Amino acid sequence: MTPPVTAKQEVAQLLNQLPDDSTLEDIQYHVYVLEKIQRGRADVDAGRVHTTEQARERLAKWLDR
């Protein structure tokens, strides 16, 4: 079994994939997106999901104002 990857290791992998001329803003954005993807996957794993119909119903409430 492979040991879990640490946050530091994930950021290092990300930095290795980005172009050398990446700005600090570029790096911050990619770290932000990576974190959001991880949170989303954790939500799915924990069963915190909604059907498409549930999402439409929630959006309709916001849009009907």
C-alpha atoms as a PDB file:
ATOM      1  CA  MET A   1       0.000   0.000   0.000  1.00  0.00           C
ATOM      2  CA  THR A   2       1.299   3.441  -0.943  1.00  0.00           C
ATOM      3  CA  PRO A   3       1.582   5.975   1.884  1.00  0.00           C
ATOM      4  CA  PRO A   4      -0.666   9.019   1.523  1.00  0.00           C
ATOM      5  CA  VAL A   5       0.764  12.001  -0.289  1.00  0.00           C
ATOM      6  CA  THR A   6       1.312  15.035   1.926  1.00  0.00           C
ATOM      7  CA  ALA A   7       0.108  18.525   1.058  1.00  0.00           C
ATOM      8  CA  LYS A   8       3.725  19.594   0.637  1.00  0.00           C
ATOM      9  CA  GLN A   9       4.327  16.759  -1.830  1.00  0.00           C
ATOM     10  CA  GLU A  10       1.208  17.698  -3.792  1.00  0.00           C
ATOM     11  CA  VAL A  11       2.308  21.320  -4.058  1.00  0.00           C
ATOM     12  CA  ALA A  12       5.788  20.215  -5.129  1.00  0.00           C
ATOM     13  CA  GLN A  13       4.235  18.074  -7.889  1.00  0.00           C
ATOM     14  CA  LEU A  14       2.069  21.000  -8.934  1.00  0.00           C
ATOM     15  CA  LEU A  15       5.068  23.350  -9.077  1.00  0.00           C
ATOM     16  CA  ASN A  16       6.966  20.867 -11.235  1.00  0.00           C
ATOM     17  CA  GLN A  17       4.072  20.834 -13.723  1.00  0.00           C
ATOM     18  CA  LEU A  18       3.711  24.616 -14.014  1.00  0.00           C
ATOM     19  CA  PRO A  19       5.739  26.624 -16.523  1.00  0.00           C
ATOM     20  CA  ASP A  20       8.897  28.280 -15.196  1.00  0.00           C
ATOM     21  CA  ASP A  21       7.467  31.725 -15.890  1.00  0.00           C
ATOM     22  CA  SER A  22       4.418  31.182 -13.651  1.00  0.00           C
ATOM     23  CA  THR A  23       3.612  34.134 -11.437  1.00  0.00           C
ATOM     24  CA  LEU A  24       2.833  33.888  -7.731  1.00  0.00           C
ATOM     25  CA  GLU A  25      -0.775  34.610  -8.650  1.00  0.00           C
ATOM     26  CA  ASP A  26      -0.769  31.653 -11.088  1.00  0.00           C
ATOM     27  CA  ILE A  27       0.622  29.376  -8.379  1.00  0.00           C
ATOM     28  CA  GLN A  28      -1.905  30.568  -5.796  1.00  0.00           C
ATOM     29  CA  TYR A  29      -4.751  29.947  -8.229  1.00  0.00           C
ATOM     30  CA  HIS A  30      -3.588  26.402  -9.000  1.00  0.00           C
ATOM     31  CA  VAL A  31      -3.154  25.575  -5.310  1.00  0.00           C
ATOM     32  CA  TYR A  32      -6.655  26.975  -4.672  1.00  0.00           C
ATOM     33  CA  VAL A  33      -8.165  24.826  -7.444  1.00  0.00           C
ATOM     34  CA  LEU A  34      -6.310  21.736  -6.206  1.00  0.00           C
ATOM     35  CA  GLU A  35      -7.699  22.270  -2.693  1.00  0.00           C
ATOM     36  CA  LYS A  36     -11.253  22.746  -3.990  1.00  0.00           C
ATOM     37  CA  ILE A  37     -11.020  19.521  -6.011  1.00  0.00           C
ATOM     38  CA  GLN A  38      -9.830  17.656  -2.922  1.00  0.00           C
ATOM     39  CA  ARG A  39     -12.724  19.026  -0.866  1.00  0.00           C
ATOM     40  CA  GLY A  40     -15.172  18.010  -3.567  1.00  0.00           C
ATOM     41  CA  ARG A  41     -13.808  14.481  -3.706  1.00  0.00           C
ATOM     42  CA  ALA A  42     -13.982  14.242   0.093  1.00  0.00           C
ATOM     43  CA  ASP A  43     -17.626  15.380  -0.038  1.00  0.00           C
ATOM     44  CA  VAL A  44     -18.423  12.691  -2.605  1.00  0.00           C
ATOM     45  CA  ASP A  45     -16.649  10.038  -0.524  1.00  0.00           C
ATOM     46  CA  ALA A  46     -18.649  11.136   2.538  1.00  0.00           C
ATOM     47  CA  GLY A  47     -21.945  11.047   0.623  1.00  0.00           C
ATOM     48  CA  ARG A  48     -22.445  14.808   0.717  1.00  0.00           C
ATOM     49  CA  VAL A  49     -23.876  15.039  -2.798  1.00  0.00           C
ATOM     50  CA  HIS A  50     -27.060  16.212  -4.501  1.00  0.00           C
ATOM     51  CA  THR A  51     -28.844  14.955  -7.570  1.00  0.00           C
ATOM     52  CA  THR A  52     -29.149  17.168 -10.628  1.00  0.00           C
ATOM     53  CA  GLU A  53     -32.825  17.645  -9.836  1.00  0.00           C
ATOM     54  CA  GLN A  54     -32.036  18.760  -6.275  1.00  0.00           C
ATOM     55  CA  ALA A  55     -29.510  21.249  -7.623  1.00  0.00           C
ATOM     56  CA  ARG A  56     -32.066  22.605 -10.107  1.00  0.00           C
ATOM     57  CA  GLU A  57     -34.626  23.048  -7.320  1.00  0.00           C
ATOM     58  CA  ARG A  58     -32.129  24.938  -5.164  1.00  0.00           C
ATOM     59  CA  LEU A  59     -31.058  27.162  -8.058  1.00  0.00           C
ATOM     60  CA  ALA A  60     -34.675  27.859  -8.994  1.00  0.00           C
ATOM     61  CA  LYS A  61     -35.261  29.278  -5.508  1.00  0.00           C
ATOM     62  CA  TRP A  62     -32.359  31.689  -5.986  1.00  0.00           C
ATOM     63  CA  LEU A  63     -33.308  32.663  -9.522  1.00  0.00           C
ATOM     64  CA  ASP A  64     -37.042  33.221  -8.878  1.00  0.00           C
ATOM     65  CA  ARG A  65     -36.441  36.161  -6.550  1.00  0.00           C
END
